[in-house]
């Protein structure tokens, strides 16, 4: 997880080559580890993180197609994890996929991704914000989504600017 955090921070700081080094190390660890994280193979927890970081690096380089492919793999790997409370990941990989799809103008597909996430995590503000963006992009707002987002974010202490963290 350290490599994910360091790589993400490096990327946000404009150092994509350092981010790539952390992503490669994280990917190697995810493929080779035999450790466990609670009830999960650590590889099942680390692999989605490696794909998120890979997707963010591709997105920052302007390759939305590669970013979307990586985020789809992240979702696939997150879905392999069994039920656990608390969940092994503190965020949903679908947030990254949905945001990239919105950015690519694939609004209907993005809306479906966010709705799938909301089926698992109802009233999630990040998912609702992404769904709101996808619907607006498609020219089909939904007052119920707007109301749900307003309620879910009513006590937040930060502004939400994207569906991904």
Protein backbone atom coordinates (compact mmCIF):
# COMPACT_ATOMS: atom_id res chain seq x y z
CA UNK A 1 0.00 0.00 0.00
CA UNK A 2 2.98 2.26 0.65
CA UNK A 3 3.96 2.10 -3.02
CA UNK A 4 0.41 3.03 -4.05
CA UNK A 5 0.41 6.08 -1.77
CA UNK A 6 3.91 7.17 -2.78
CA UNK A 7 3.21 6.60 -6.46
CA UNK A 8 -0.07 8.51 -6.33
CA UNK A 9 1.62 11.38 -4.49
CA UNK A 10 4.47 11.44 -7.02
CA UNK A 11 2.00 11.55 -9.89
CA UNK A 12 0.01 14.38 -8.28
CA UNK A 13 3.32 16.19 -7.81
CA UNK A 14 4.09 15.88 -11.52
CA UNK A 15 6.70 13.12 -11.27
CA UNK A 16 5.25 10.40 -13.50
CA UNK A 17 8.54 8.49 -13.80
CA UNK A 18 8.71 8.07 -10.02
CA UNK A 19 5.02 7.14 -9.99
CA UNK A 20 5.70 4.47 -12.61
CA UNK A 21 8.52 3.00 -10.47
CA UNK A 22 6.15 2.67 -7.52
CA UNK A 23 3.44 1.21 -9.76
CA UNK A 24 5.82 -1.40 -11.15
CA UNK A 25 7.00 -2.36 -7.68
CA UNK A 26 3.41 -2.58 -6.44
CA UNK A 27 2.43 -4.69 -9.44
CA UNK A 28 5.32 -7.08 -8.81
CA UNK A 29 4.42 -7.44 -5.14
CA UNK A 30 0.75 -7.99 -6.02
CA UNK A 31 1.67 -10.78 -8.46
CA UNK A 32 4.16 -12.55 -6.20
CA UNK A 33 3.05 -12.14 -2.60
CA UNK A 34 1.71 -15.08 -0.64
CA UNK A 35 0.77 -12.93 2.36
CA UNK A 36 -2.76 -12.45 3.65
CA UNK A 37 -4.65 -9.32 4.60
CA UNK A 38 -7.25 -10.41 7.11
CA UNK A 39 -9.22 -13.08 5.20
CA UNK A 40 -7.99 -12.07 1.76
CA UNK A 41 -4.90 -12.96 -0.19
CA UNK A 42 -2.86 -9.75 -0.18
CA UNK A 43 -2.65 -10.01 -3.96
CA UNK A 44 -6.43 -9.48 -4.17
CA UNK A 45 -6.07 -6.24 -2.22
CA UNK A 46 -2.92 -4.98 -3.94
CA UNK A 47 -3.79 -5.78 -7.55
CA UNK A 48 -6.64 -3.25 -7.78
CA UNK A 49 -4.32 -0.60 -6.35
CA UNK A 50 -1.67 -1.40 -8.96
CA UNK A 51 -4.26 -1.05 -11.73
CA UNK A 52 -5.63 2.21 -10.31
CA UNK A 53 -2.15 3.70 -10.23
CA UNK A 54 -1.42 2.40 -13.73
CA UNK A 55 -4.66 3.95 -14.96
CA UNK A 56 -3.93 7.28 -13.33
CA UNK A 57 -0.47 7.34 -14.91
CA UNK A 58 -2.01 6.62 -18.33
CA UNK A 59 -4.69 9.25 -17.76
CA UNK A 60 -2.09 11.85 -16.80
CA UNK A 61 -0.20 11.02 -20.01
CA UNK A 62 -3.38 11.64 -22.01
CA UNK A 63 -4.09 8.00 -22.87
CA UNK A 64 -7.70 7.62 -21.73
CA UNK A 65 -8.12 4.31 -23.56
CA UNK A 66 -5.28 2.71 -21.58
CA UNK A 67 -6.54 4.35 -18.39
CA UNK A 68 -10.03 2.92 -18.88
CA UNK A 69 -8.58 -0.54 -19.58
CA UNK A 70 -6.56 -0.39 -16.35
CA UNK A 71 -9.53 0.82 -14.32
CA UNK A 72 -11.66 -2.01 -15.76
CA UNK A 73 -9.01 -4.47 -14.55
CA UNK A 74 -9.03 -2.79 -11.14
CA UNK A 75 -12.80 -3.29 -10.93
CA UNK A 76 -12.45 -6.91 -12.03
CA UNK A 77 -9.89 -7.58 -9.30
CA UNK A 78 -11.86 -5.71 -6.63
CA UNK A 79 -14.88 -7.85 -7.50
CA UNK A 80 -12.80 -10.98 -6.75
CA UNK A 81 -12.60 -10.01 -3.09
CA UNK A 82 -15.08 -11.68 -0.82
CA UNK A 83 -17.33 -9.85 1.58
CA UNK A 84 -15.62 -8.34 4.61
CA UNK A 85 -16.36 -5.63 7.15
CA UNK A 86 -14.69 -3.28 7.08
CA UNK A 87 -13.97 -3.60 3.40
CA UNK A 88 -10.33 -4.16 2.48
CA UNK A 89 -10.19 -1.06 0.25
CA UNK A 90 -11.24 2.32 1.65
CA UNK A 91 -12.63 3.37 -1.75
CA UNK A 92 -14.29 1.85 -4.78
CA UNK A 93 -12.38 1.16 -7.99
CA UNK A 94 -15.54 1.96 -9.94
CA UNK A 95 -15.07 5.61 -8.98
CA UNK A 96 -11.92 5.77 -11.11
CA UNK A 97 -13.51 3.86 -13.98
CA UNK A 98 -16.62 6.03 -13.97
CA UNK A 99 -14.59 9.26 -13.87
CA UNK A 100 -12.47 8.16 -16.83
CA UNK A 101 -15.58 7.17 -18.78
CA UNK A 102 -17.13 10.59 -18.11
CA UNK A 103 -13.90 12.24 -19.22
CA UNK A 104 -14.00 10.14 -22.41
CA UNK A 105 -17.60 11.19 -23.08
CA UNK A 106 -18.98 7.69 -22.50
CA UNK A 107 -21.75 8.97 -20.28
CA UNK A 108 -24.20 6.07 -20.50
CA UNK A 109 -21.49 3.53 -19.66
CA UNK A 110 -20.28 5.73 -16.81
CA UNK A 111 -23.82 5.99 -15.44
CA UNK A 112 -24.11 2.20 -15.47
CA UNK A 113 -20.80 1.90 -13.58
CA UNK A 114 -21.96 4.34 -10.91
CA UNK A 115 -25.36 2.67 -10.60
CA UNK A 116 -23.61 -0.69 -10.09
CA UNK A 117 -21.53 0.86 -7.31
CA UNK A 118 -24.60 2.43 -5.73
CA UNK A 119 -26.28 -0.99 -5.68
CA UNK A 120 -23.49 -2.13 -3.34
CA UNK A 121 -23.07 1.17 -1.48
CA UNK A 122 -26.33 3.13 -1.50
CA UNK A 123 -26.16 6.88 -0.90
CA UNK A 124 -22.39 7.03 -1.45
CA UNK A 125 -21.60 10.66 -2.18
CA UNK A 126 -18.67 9.93 -4.48
CA UNK A 127 -20.79 7.58 -6.60
CA UNK A 128 -23.74 9.96 -6.62
CA UNK A 129 -21.53 12.83 -7.74
CA UNK A 130 -20.14 10.71 -10.57
CA UNK A 131 -23.63 9.59 -11.57
CA UNK A 132 -24.78 13.22 -11.54
CA UNK A 133 -21.89 14.14 -13.88
CA UNK A 134 -22.61 11.20 -16.19
CA UNK A 135 -26.30 12.04 -16.39
CA UNK A 136 -25.57 15.72 -17.02
CA UNK A 137 -23.14 14.77 -19.78
CA UNK A 138 -25.82 12.64 -21.39
CA UNK A 139 -28.32 15.49 -21.05
CA UNK A 140 -30.48 13.50 -18.66
CA UNK A 141 -30.40 14.87 -15.13
CA UNK A 142 -32.28 13.12 -12.35
CA UNK A 143 -33.70 15.17 -9.45
CA UNK A 144 -33.69 12.07 -7.21
CA UNK A 145 -29.93 11.71 -7.71
CA UNK A 146 -29.46 15.42 -6.98
CA UNK A 147 -31.48 15.13 -3.76
CA UNK A 148 -29.66 11.98 -2.65
CA UNK A 149 -26.29 13.65 -3.27
CA UNK A 150 -27.33 16.75 -1.33
CA UNK A 151 -28.40 14.59 1.62
CA UNK A 152 -25.31 12.37 1.53
CA UNK A 153 -22.91 15.32 1.35
CA UNK A 154 -24.79 17.64 3.73
CA UNK A 155 -22.29 17.25 6.58
CA UNK A 156 -19.14 16.89 4.53
CA UNK A 157 -16.20 19.11 5.37
CA UNK A 158 -14.70 19.07 1.90
CA UNK A 159 -15.83 20.02 -1.59
CA UNK A 160 -16.28 17.16 -3.98
CA UNK A 161 -14.78 17.81 -7.42
CA UNK A 162 -14.60 14.32 -8.89
CA UNK A 163 -15.93 10.89 -8.11
CA UNK A 164 -12.46 9.52 -7.50
CA UNK A 165 -10.36 10.43 -4.50
